[in-house]
Amino acid sequence: MAGSTRLSPGLSRSQGVAGVSLISLRCAKTGGAHDIIREEMPVSFAEIGALITRDPALRGGRPIVAGTGVGVRTIAIENNRGLSPEEIAADRPPLTLAQIYAALAFYHANKQEIDADIAAEEQAYEEGVRSSRRAGHPLSGDGQIGNLPHQDRKRLPRRP
């Protein structure tokens, strides 16, 4: 192996390929050699904090997965509905499993703030539905086109 380094009498270390080290030990009494192969930790790590960001121009400054525009609350909602991190990653191919776990870690570290934001959004949606019903909006919040004779109404899917 290339690049052998002497550590102490009877001990040397050689750097092999891609983070694998060979450490040779020589017994002081018998002179016998013993080799230990050891994998080393990678030199660079992804900084967890760099995976989540906030930008006032995106999603109203809410936390998002960096470089994607996917909101942390979107990941949290999907997880709270019973989807596993692996299922969420499979449904959102640009996201890695590490990004999903980072979003969930951020959510759990800031659960109160994000849950309050989710609840406020749901309340605003419900208020909008009630308001459109009162105003006689053609799409009443019940998933039907309003003010038409019953037989002419078409069933529309409800918003989750």
C-alpha atoms as a PDB file:
ATOM      1  CA  MET A   1       0.000   0.000   0.000  1.00  0.00           C
ATOM      2  CA  ALA A   2       1.149   3.487  -0.790  1.00  0.00           C
ATOM      3  CA  GLY A   3       2.158   6.103   1.760  1.00  0.00           C
ATOM      4  CA  SER A   4       3.363   4.136   4.804  1.00  0.00           C
ATOM      5  CA  THR A   5       3.788   6.114   8.020  1.00  0.00           C
ATOM      6  CA  ARG A   6       5.720   5.026  11.108  1.00  0.00           C
ATOM      7  CA  LEU A   7       3.577   5.650  14.210  1.00  0.00           C
ATOM      8  CA  SER A   8       5.772   4.241  16.978  1.00  0.00           C
ATOM      9  CA  PRO A   9       8.296   1.452  17.313  1.00  0.00           C
ATOM     10  CA  GLY A  10       6.665  -1.707  15.998  1.00  0.00           C
ATOM     11  CA  LEU A  11       3.618   0.116  14.583  1.00  0.00           C
ATOM     12  CA  SER A  12       3.138   1.441  11.064  1.00  0.00           C
ATOM     13  CA  ARG A  13       0.146   2.637   9.096  1.00  0.00           C
ATOM     14  CA  SER A  14      -0.472   2.578   5.348  1.00  0.00           C
ATOM     15  CA  GLN A  15      -3.241   4.501   3.613  1.00  0.00           C
ATOM     16  CA  GLY A  16      -4.991   2.298   1.080  1.00  0.00           C
ATOM     17  CA  VAL A  17      -7.868   2.987  -1.238  1.00  0.00           C
ATOM     18  CA  ALA A  18     -10.890   5.139  -0.371  1.00  0.00           C
ATOM     19  CA  GLY A  19     -10.527   5.527   3.369  1.00  0.00           C
ATOM     20  CA  VAL A  20      -9.183   2.067   4.221  1.00  0.00           C
ATOM     21  CA  SER A  21      -6.109   1.887   6.443  1.00  0.00           C
ATOM     22  CA  LEU A  22      -3.786  -1.018   7.083  1.00  0.00           C
ATOM     23  CA  ILE A  23      -2.154  -0.873  10.478  1.00  0.00           C
ATOM     24  CA  SER A  24       0.751  -3.272  10.989  1.00  0.00           C
ATOM     25  CA  LEU A  25       1.739  -4.190  14.512  1.00  0.00           C
ATOM     26  CA  ARG A  26       5.025  -5.901  15.312  1.00  0.00           C
ATOM     27  CA  CYS A  27       5.276  -7.776  18.553  1.00  0.00           C
ATOM     28  CA  ALA A  28       8.248  -6.524  20.592  1.00  0.00           C
ATOM     29  CA  LYS A  29       8.996  -9.969  22.096  1.00  0.00           C
ATOM     30  CA  THR A  30       8.552 -12.286  19.115  1.00  0.00           C
ATOM     31  CA  GLY A  31       8.912  -9.880  16.205  1.00  0.00           C
ATOM     32  CA  GLY A  32       5.728 -11.312  14.640  1.00  0.00           C
ATOM     33  CA  ALA A  33       3.623  -8.996  12.451  1.00  0.00           C
ATOM     34  CA  HIS A  34      -0.109  -8.473  12.855  1.00  0.00           C
ATOM     35  CA  ASP A  35      -2.126  -6.484  10.327  1.00  0.00           C
ATOM     36  CA  ILE A  36      -5.335  -4.660  11.152  1.00  0.00           C
ATOM     37  CA  ILE A  37      -7.490  -3.327   8.330  1.00  0.00           C
ATOM     38  CA  ARG A  38      -9.712  -0.452   9.354  1.00  0.00           C
ATOM     39  CA  GLU A  39     -12.198   1.728   7.484  1.00  0.00           C
ATOM     40  CA  GLU A  40     -11.999   5.385   8.294  1.00  0.00           C
ATOM     41  CA  MET A  41     -14.775   7.921   8.654  1.00  0.00           C
ATOM     42  CA  PRO A  42     -15.381  10.065   5.575  1.00  0.00           C
ATOM     43  CA  VAL A  43     -13.673  13.416   5.705  1.00  0.00           C
ATOM     44  CA  SER A  44     -16.742  15.431   4.679  1.00  0.00           C
ATOM     45  CA  PHE A  45     -20.242  15.294   6.103  1.00  0.00           C
ATOM     46  CA  ALA A  46     -23.492  16.876   4.980  1.00  0.00           C
ATOM     47  CA  GLU A  47     -24.371  19.606   7.449  1.00  0.00           C
ATOM     48  CA  ILE A  48     -27.892  18.837   8.640  1.00  0.00           C
ATOM     49  CA  GLY A  49     -28.663  22.520   9.121  1.00  0.00           C
ATOM     50  CA  ALA A  50     -27.881  23.187   5.460  1.00  0.00           C
ATOM     51  CA  LEU A  51     -30.676  20.845   4.338  1.00  0.00           C
ATOM     52  CA  ILE A  52     -33.451  23.172   5.583  1.00  0.00           C
ATOM     53  CA  THR A  53     -33.678  26.857   4.748  1.00  0.00           C
ATOM     54  CA  ARG A  54     -36.042  29.837   4.845  1.00  0.00           C
ATOM     55  CA  ASP A  55     -36.426  32.364   2.078  1.00  0.00           C
ATOM     56  CA  PRO A  56     -38.931  35.231   2.341  1.00  0.00           C
ATOM     57  CA  ALA A  57     -39.523  34.914  -1.416  1.00  0.00           C
ATOM     58  CA  LEU A  58     -40.490  31.226  -1.161  1.00  0.00           C
ATOM     59  CA  ARG A  59     -43.503  29.831   0.686  1.00  0.00           C
ATOM     60  CA  GLY A  60     -43.910  33.028   2.684  1.00  0.00           C
ATOM     61  CA  GLY A  61     -40.631  32.464   4.512  1.00  0.00           C
ATOM     62  CA  ARG A  62     -41.760  29.101   5.892  1.00  0.00           C
ATOM     63  CA  PRO A  63     -39.010  26.474   6.264  1.00  0.00           C
ATOM     64  CA  ILE A  64     -38.357  24.449   3.098  1.00  0.00           C
ATOM     65  CA  VAL A  65     -36.055  21.653   2.020  1.00  0.00           C
ATOM     66  CA  ALA A  66     -33.069  23.555   0.579  1.00  0.00           C
ATOM     67  CA  GLY A  67     -32.983  23.739  -3.199  1.00  0.00           C
ATOM     68  CA  THR A  68     -36.445  22.230  -3.682  1.00  0.00           C
ATOM     69  CA  GLY A  69     -39.209  24.573  -2.578  1.00  0.00           C
ATOM     70  CA  VAL A  70     -40.909  21.669  -0.745  1.00  0.00           C
ATOM     71  CA  GLY A  71     -42.160  22.901   2.601  1.00  0.00           C
ATOM     72  CA  VAL A  72     -41.245  21.232   5.865  1.00  0.00           C
ATOM     73  CA  ARG A  73     -44.916  21.397   6.799  1.00  0.00           C
ATOM     74  CA  THR A  74     -45.819  19.434   3.641  1.00  0.00           C
ATOM     75  CA  ILE A  75     -43.486  16.638   4.744  1.00  0.00           C
ATOM     76  CA  ALA A  76     -44.864  16.866   8.304  1.00  0.00           C
ATOM     77  CA  ILE A  77     -48.488  16.669   7.097  1.00  0.00           C
ATOM     78  CA  GLU A  78     -47.732  13.602   4.981  1.00  0.00           C
ATOM     79  CA  ASN A  79     -45.926  11.935   7.878  1.00  0.00           C
ATOM     80  CA  ASN A  80     -48.766  12.810  10.284  1.00  0.00           C
ATOM     81  CA  ARG A  81     -51.215  11.189   7.816  1.00  0.00           C
ATOM     82  CA  GLY A  82     -49.308   7.933   8.270  1.00  0.00           C
ATOM     83  CA  LEU A  83     -46.787   7.940   5.417  1.00  0.00           C
ATOM     84  CA  SER A  84     -43.333   6.682   6.331  1.00  0.00           C
ATOM     85  CA  PRO A  85     -40.253   8.718   5.362  1.00  0.00           C
ATOM     86  CA  GLU A  86     -39.512   6.087   2.695  1.00  0.00           C
ATOM     87  CA  GLU A  87     -43.023   6.465   1.230  1.00  0.00           C
ATOM     88  CA  ILE A  88     -42.730  10.251   1.207  1.00  0.00           C
ATOM     89  CA  ALA A  89     -39.372  10.029  -0.594  1.00  0.00           C
ATOM     90  CA  ALA A  90     -40.885   7.605  -3.135  1.00  0.00           C
ATOM     91  CA  ASP A  91     -43.773  10.042  -3.786  1.00  0.00           C
ATOM     92  CA  ARG A  92     -41.362  12.970  -4.245  1.00  0.00           C
ATOM     93  CA  PRO A  93     -38.478  11.656  -6.379  1.00  0.00           C
ATOM     94  CA  PRO A  94     -36.291  14.749  -6.281  1.00  0.00           C
ATOM     95  CA  LEU A  95     -36.066  14.458  -2.488  1.00  0.00           C
ATOM     96  CA  THR A  96     -33.594  12.134  -0.834  1.00  0.00           C
ATOM     97  CA  LEU A  97     -34.331  10.163   2.291  1.00  0.00           C
ATOM     98  CA  ALA A  98     -31.804  12.353   4.121  1.00  0.00           C
ATOM     99  CA  GLN A  99     -33.803  15.449   3.130  1.00  0.00           C
ATOM    100  CA  ILE A 100     -37.040  13.856   4.362  1.00  0.00           C
ATOM    101  CA  TYR A 101     -35.468  12.966   7.712  1.00  0.00           C
ATOM    102  CA  ALA A 102     -33.964  16.470   7.986  1.00  0.00           C
ATOM    103  CA  ALA A 103     -37.416  17.986   7.383  1.00  0.00           C
ATOM    104  CA  LEU A 104     -38.938  15.690  10.008  1.00  0.00           C
ATOM    105  CA  ALA A 105     -36.165  16.504  12.487  1.00  0.00           C
ATOM    106  CA  PHE A 106     -36.748  20.225  11.888  1.00  0.00           C
ATOM    107  CA  TYR A 107     -40.495  19.690  12.309  1.00  0.00           C
ATOM    108  CA  HIS A 108     -40.080  17.878  15.622  1.00  0.00           C
ATOM    109  CA  ALA A 109     -37.626  20.512  16.877  1.00  0.00           C
ATOM    110  CA  ASN A 110     -40.151  23.246  15.943  1.00  0.00           C
ATOM    111  CA  LYS A 111     -43.373  21.256  16.300  1.00  0.00           C
ATOM    112  CA  GLN A 112     -45.423  23.882  18.110  1.00  0.00           C
ATOM    113  CA  GLU A 113     -44.700  26.603  15.522  1.00  0.00           C
ATOM    114  CA  ILE A 114     -45.306  24.341  12.502  1.00  0.00           C
ATOM    115  CA  ASP A 115     -48.444  22.714  13.952  1.00  0.00           C
ATOM    116  CA  ALA A 116     -49.858  26.207  14.639  1.00  0.00           C
ATOM    117  CA  ASP A 117     -49.109  27.198  11.018  1.00  0.00           C
ATOM    118  CA  ILE A 118     -50.833  24.039   9.720  1.00  0.00           C
ATOM    119  CA  ALA A 119     -53.875  24.676  11.934  1.00  0.00           C
ATOM    120  CA  ALA A 120     -54.090  28.327  10.821  1.00  0.00           C
ATOM    121  CA  GLU A 121     -53.992  27.252   7.160  1.00  0.00           C
ATOM    122  CA  GLU A 122     -56.768  24.680   7.733  1.00  0.00           C
ATOM    123  CA  GLN A 123     -58.868  27.291   9.558  1.00  0.00           C
ATOM    124  CA  ALA A 124     -58.377  29.815   6.738  1.00  0.00           C
ATOM    125  CA  TYR A 125     -59.481  27.177   4.212  1.00  0.00           C
ATOM    126  CA  GLU A 126     -62.622  26.350   6.218  1.00  0.00           C
ATOM    127  CA  GLU A 127     -63.453  30.051   6.603  1.00  0.00           C
ATOM    128  CA  GLY A 128     -63.079  30.480   2.843  1.00  0.00           C
ATOM    129  CA  VAL A 129     -65.450  27.580   2.233  1.00  0.00           C
ATOM    130  CA  ARG A 130     -68.041  29.040   4.628  1.00  0.00           C
ATOM    131  CA  SER A 131     -67.670  32.458   3.049  1.00  0.00           C
ATOM    132  CA  SER A 132     -68.185  31.107  -0.457  1.00  0.00           C
ATOM    133  CA  ARG A 133     -71.309  29.241   0.696  1.00  0.00           C
ATOM    134  CA  ARG A 134     -72.779  32.450   2.151  1.00  0.00           C
ATOM    135  CA  ALA A 135     -71.966  34.394  -1.015  1.00  0.00           C
ATOM    136  CA  GLY A 136     -73.673  31.782  -3.174  1.00  0.00           C
ATOM    137  CA  HIS A 137     -70.462  30.934  -4.975  1.00  0.00           C
ATOM    138  CA  PRO A 138     -71.092  28.361  -7.716  1.00  0.00           C
ATOM    139  CA  LEU A 139     -68.819  25.902  -5.976  1.00  0.00           C
ATOM    140  CA  SER A 140     -70.323  25.478  -2.511  1.00  0.00           C
ATOM    141  CA  GLY A 141     -67.828  23.875  -0.136  1.00  0.00           C
ATOM    142  CA  ASP A 142     -69.677  20.536  -0.197  1.00  0.00           C
ATOM    143  CA  GLY A 143     -68.153  19.422  -3.494  1.00  0.00           C
ATOM    144  CA  GLN A 144     -71.236  20.210  -5.576  1.00  0.00           C
ATOM    145  CA  ILE A 145     -71.959  22.936  -8.048  1.00  0.00           C
ATOM    146  CA  GLY A 146     -74.484  25.050  -6.190  1.00  0.00           C
ATOM    147  CA  ASN A 147     -77.841  26.555  -7.209  1.00  0.00           C
ATOM    148  CA  LEU A 148     -78.530  24.000  -9.957  1.00  0.00           C
ATOM    149  CA  PRO A 149     -81.490  21.639  -9.899  1.00  0.00           C
ATOM    150  CA  HIS A 150     -80.524  18.514  -7.970  1.00  0.00           C
ATOM    151  CA  GLN A 151     -80.472  16.223 -11.034  1.00  0.00           C
ATOM    152  CA  ASP A 152     -78.094  18.580 -12.874  1.00  0.00           C
ATOM    153  CA  ARG A 153     -75.540  18.806 -10.067  1.00  0.00           C
ATOM    154  CA  LYS A 154     -72.263  17.041 -10.699  1.00  0.00           C
ATOM    155  CA  ARG A 155     -70.303  15.548  -7.887  1.00  0.00           C
ATOM    156  CA  LEU A 156     -66.831  17.064  -7.611  1.00  0.00           C
ATOM    157  CA  PRO A 157     -64.024  15.675  -5.494  1.00  0.00           C
ATOM    158  CA  ARG A 158     -63.647  17.249  -2.072  1.00  0.00           C
ATOM    159  CA  ARG A 159     -60.431  19.001  -1.247  1.00  0.00           C
ATOM    160  CA  PRO A 160     -58.462  17.070   1.397  1.00  0.00           C
END
